[in-house]
Amino acid sequence: MLAYFRGVSIVLFGSVYYRALPYDLFGSFASRIFPLLLLIALVGGGLGIANEKKYGFRLALSAAIYSVVATLWIGTQYPIELLGFLLRLMFDIVLLVLLLHPQSKEYRRIWFT
């Protein structure tokens, strides 16, 4: 559910946070593509997990890791509003922790092997 929520928040509230890291590292074209890839990975990961597919977990985990890294990049490189940064970082870390939680690992071991 949280992966879907993050995907919808990217569509509704914009993807400025997720554009800065690829722009700084790869340039303007990558800054347009990476948020779209993140959206596809979050929604595809959520659907894959719901349908018990291995690719779903991998997509959701890679999107969660990128979200945390991109949000931390913004927080360290640019002047930002603290409350918005902390809320984004909180949801990104919660998604990552839930995917890496031991009960999630047990669920993966039972259903995805």
Protein backbone atom coordinates (compact mmCIF):
# COMPACT_ATOMS: atom_id res chain seq x y z
CA MET A 1 0.00 0.00 0.00
CA LEU A 2 2.79 2.39 0.89
CA ALA A 3 4.41 1.88 -2.52
CA TYR A 4 1.14 2.93 -4.17
CA PHE A 5 0.91 5.94 -1.85
CA ARG A 6 4.45 7.05 -2.76
CA GLY A 7 3.65 6.64 -6.46
CA VAL A 8 0.49 8.73 -6.19
CA SER A 9 2.33 11.40 -4.18
CA ILE A 10 4.91 11.67 -6.97
CA VAL A 11 2.12 12.28 -9.48
CA LEU A 12 0.12 14.70 -7.31
CA PHE A 13 2.85 16.67 -5.55
CA GLY A 14 5.61 16.61 -8.12
CA SER A 15 8.95 14.95 -8.35
CA VAL A 16 11.40 17.76 -7.68
CA TYR A 17 13.03 15.76 -4.90
CA TYR A 18 13.74 12.86 -7.24
CA ARG A 19 15.05 15.02 -10.10
CA ALA A 20 17.98 16.67 -8.34
CA LEU A 21 20.17 13.59 -7.88
CA PRO A 22 20.11 12.43 -11.54
CA TYR A 23 20.45 16.05 -12.72
CA ASP A 24 23.55 16.60 -10.61
CA LEU A 25 25.09 13.28 -11.65
CA PHE A 26 23.92 12.70 -15.25
CA GLY A 27 22.37 15.89 -16.60
CA SER A 28 19.04 17.22 -17.76
CA PHE A 29 17.73 14.22 -19.70
CA ALA A 30 18.19 11.86 -16.75
CA SER A 31 16.36 14.26 -14.45
CA ARG A 32 13.26 13.85 -16.62
CA ILE A 33 13.50 10.07 -16.89
CA PHE A 34 14.37 9.02 -13.32
CA PRO A 35 11.11 10.20 -11.67
CA LEU A 36 9.14 8.32 -14.32
CA LEU A 37 11.22 5.19 -13.70
CA LEU A 38 10.68 5.61 -9.96
CA LEU A 39 6.93 5.87 -10.47
CA ILE A 40 6.89 2.75 -12.64
CA ALA A 41 9.05 0.87 -10.13
CA LEU A 42 6.83 1.81 -7.18
CA VAL A 43 3.55 0.94 -8.86
CA GLY A 44 4.97 -2.16 -10.55
CA GLY A 45 6.57 -3.25 -7.30
CA GLY A 46 3.32 -2.84 -5.40
CA LEU A 47 1.42 -4.82 -8.03
CA GLY A 48 4.11 -7.50 -8.13
CA ILE A 49 4.11 -7.91 -4.35
CA ALA A 50 0.32 -8.08 -4.32
CA ASN A 51 0.42 -10.82 -6.97
CA GLU A 52 3.32 -12.63 -5.23
CA LYS A 53 5.89 -12.11 -7.98
CA LYS A 54 9.64 -11.94 -7.30
CA TYR A 55 10.12 -8.95 -9.57
CA GLY A 56 7.66 -6.96 -7.47
CA PHE A 57 9.77 -7.13 -4.36
CA ARG A 58 12.94 -6.25 -6.28
CA LEU A 59 11.29 -3.27 -7.98
CA ALA A 60 9.81 -1.95 -4.74
CA LEU A 61 13.09 -2.37 -2.88
CA SER A 62 15.14 -0.63 -5.57
CA ALA A 63 12.63 2.23 -5.72
CA ALA A 64 12.67 2.59 -1.93
CA ILE A 65 16.47 2.70 -1.83
CA TYR A 66 16.57 5.30 -4.61
CA SER A 67 13.93 7.38 -2.81
CA VAL A 68 15.92 7.46 0.41
CA VAL A 69 19.18 8.28 -1.37
CA ALA A 70 17.57 11.02 -3.51
CA THR A 71 15.85 12.60 -0.50
CA LEU A 72 19.07 12.59 1.52
CA TRP A 73 20.89 14.09 -1.49
CA ILE A 74 18.42 16.98 -1.54
CA GLY A 75 18.78 17.46 2.20
CA THR A 76 22.55 17.71 2.06
CA GLN A 77 23.04 19.64 -1.20
CA TYR A 78 20.24 22.24 -1.31
CA PRO A 79 18.49 24.63 1.08
CA ILE A 80 15.08 23.12 1.79
CA GLU A 81 12.03 23.48 4.00
CA LEU A 82 12.65 21.26 7.02
CA LEU A 83 9.10 19.97 7.61
CA GLY A 84 8.55 18.86 4.01
CA PHE A 85 11.97 17.22 3.92
CA LEU A 86 11.35 15.31 7.14
CA LEU A 87 7.93 14.09 6.00
CA ARG A 88 9.31 12.83 2.69
CA LEU A 89 12.26 11.21 4.40
CA MET A 90 9.97 9.59 6.97
CA PHE A 91 7.76 7.93 4.33
CA ASP A 92 10.77 6.86 2.28
CA ILE A 93 12.48 5.27 5.29
CA VAL A 94 9.26 3.61 6.47
CA LEU A 95 8.81 1.98 3.06
CA LEU A 96 12.41 0.75 3.07
CA VAL A 97 12.19 -0.57 6.65
CA LEU A 98 8.92 -2.38 5.95
CA LEU A 99 10.42 -4.08 2.91
CA LEU A 100 13.54 -5.13 4.85
CA HIS A 101 11.73 -6.15 8.05
CA PRO A 102 12.25 -9.78 9.22
CA GLN A 103 8.56 -10.60 8.75
CA SER A 104 8.82 -9.40 5.16
CA LYS A 105 11.85 -11.65 4.71
CA GLU A 106 9.88 -14.59 6.10
CA TYR A 107 7.00 -13.81 3.73
CA ARG A 108 9.45 -13.69 0.82
CA ARG A 109 11.02 -17.00 1.86
CA ILE A 110 7.65 -18.77 2.04
CA TRP A 111 5.94 -17.35 -1.05
CA PHE A 112 8.67 -16.30 -3.47
CA THR A 113 10.97 -19.36 -3.47
